[in-house]
Every structure is written in structure tokens, then in C-alpha cells.
Amino acid sequence: MLKDGLLERRFPDIPSHPDQAYRAKSSPDFADGASLEQEDNA
């Protein structure tokens, strides 16, 4: 998911940081409420 650009790291320069966390990256493609499932079926 990181490689696909769907997640981003809390500490991007230190991948093995003890407090490393991930969050979903906001995407303008899905800002209108579309889901991945709807996108795949289009």
C-alpha cells in the first residue's frame, strides 16, 4: 500500500522509528465519496 501511494508514514525519513505509524493518504479521486469498489466496476 505504501508503494501504491495509499498510505503515508508518520516519520517518512526513518522507516524503523519506534513510534512509526501509518495513515491513509487523502486522495482527490475519492473525495466525492467514491469507493475503490465502485472505481473498479466502472
Protein backbone atom coordinates (compact mmCIF):
# COMPACT_ATOMS: atom_id res chain seq x y z
CA MET A 1 0.00 0.00 0.00
CA LEU A 2 2.95 2.32 0.61
CA LYS A 3 4.29 1.62 -2.86
CA ASP A 4 0.85 2.27 -4.34
CA GLY A 5 0.69 5.64 -2.59
CA LEU A 6 -2.33 4.71 -0.47
CA LEU A 7 -0.54 5.05 2.87
CA GLU A 8 1.94 7.52 4.24
CA ARG A 9 4.37 7.18 7.13
CA ARG A 10 4.37 9.39 10.21
CA PHE A 11 8.17 9.51 10.04
CA PRO A 12 8.92 9.10 6.33
CA ASP A 13 12.68 9.61 6.71
CA ILE A 14 13.01 6.98 9.47
CA PRO A 15 11.13 3.81 8.43
CA SER A 16 12.20 1.88 11.56
CA HIS A 17 11.30 4.67 14.02
CA PRO A 18 9.92 3.08 17.24
CA ASP A 19 6.81 5.26 17.04
CA GLN A 20 6.26 4.71 13.31
CA ALA A 21 2.64 4.87 12.27
CA TYR A 22 0.77 4.90 9.00
CA ARG A 23 -2.31 6.69 7.80
CA ALA A 24 -4.41 6.61 4.70
CA LYS A 25 -3.32 9.23 2.26
CA SER A 26 -6.15 11.50 1.20
CA SER A 27 -6.87 11.28 -2.48
CA PRO A 28 -8.81 13.77 -4.57
CA ASP A 29 -10.06 10.81 -6.65
CA PHE A 30 -12.17 9.58 -3.72
CA ALA A 31 -13.06 12.90 -2.11
CA ASP A 32 -16.57 12.73 -3.59
CA GLY A 33 -17.38 9.55 -1.64
CA ALA A 34 -16.49 7.07 -4.37
CA SER A 35 -15.03 3.82 -3.11
CA LEU A 36 -12.36 1.58 -4.58
CA GLU A 37 -15.03 -0.99 -5.34
CA GLN A 38 -17.05 1.48 -7.39
CA GLU A 39 -13.89 2.61 -9.19
CA ASP A 40 -13.02 -0.97 -10.20
CA ASN A 41 -16.50 -1.67 -11.56
CA ALA A 42 -16.69 1.43 -13.73
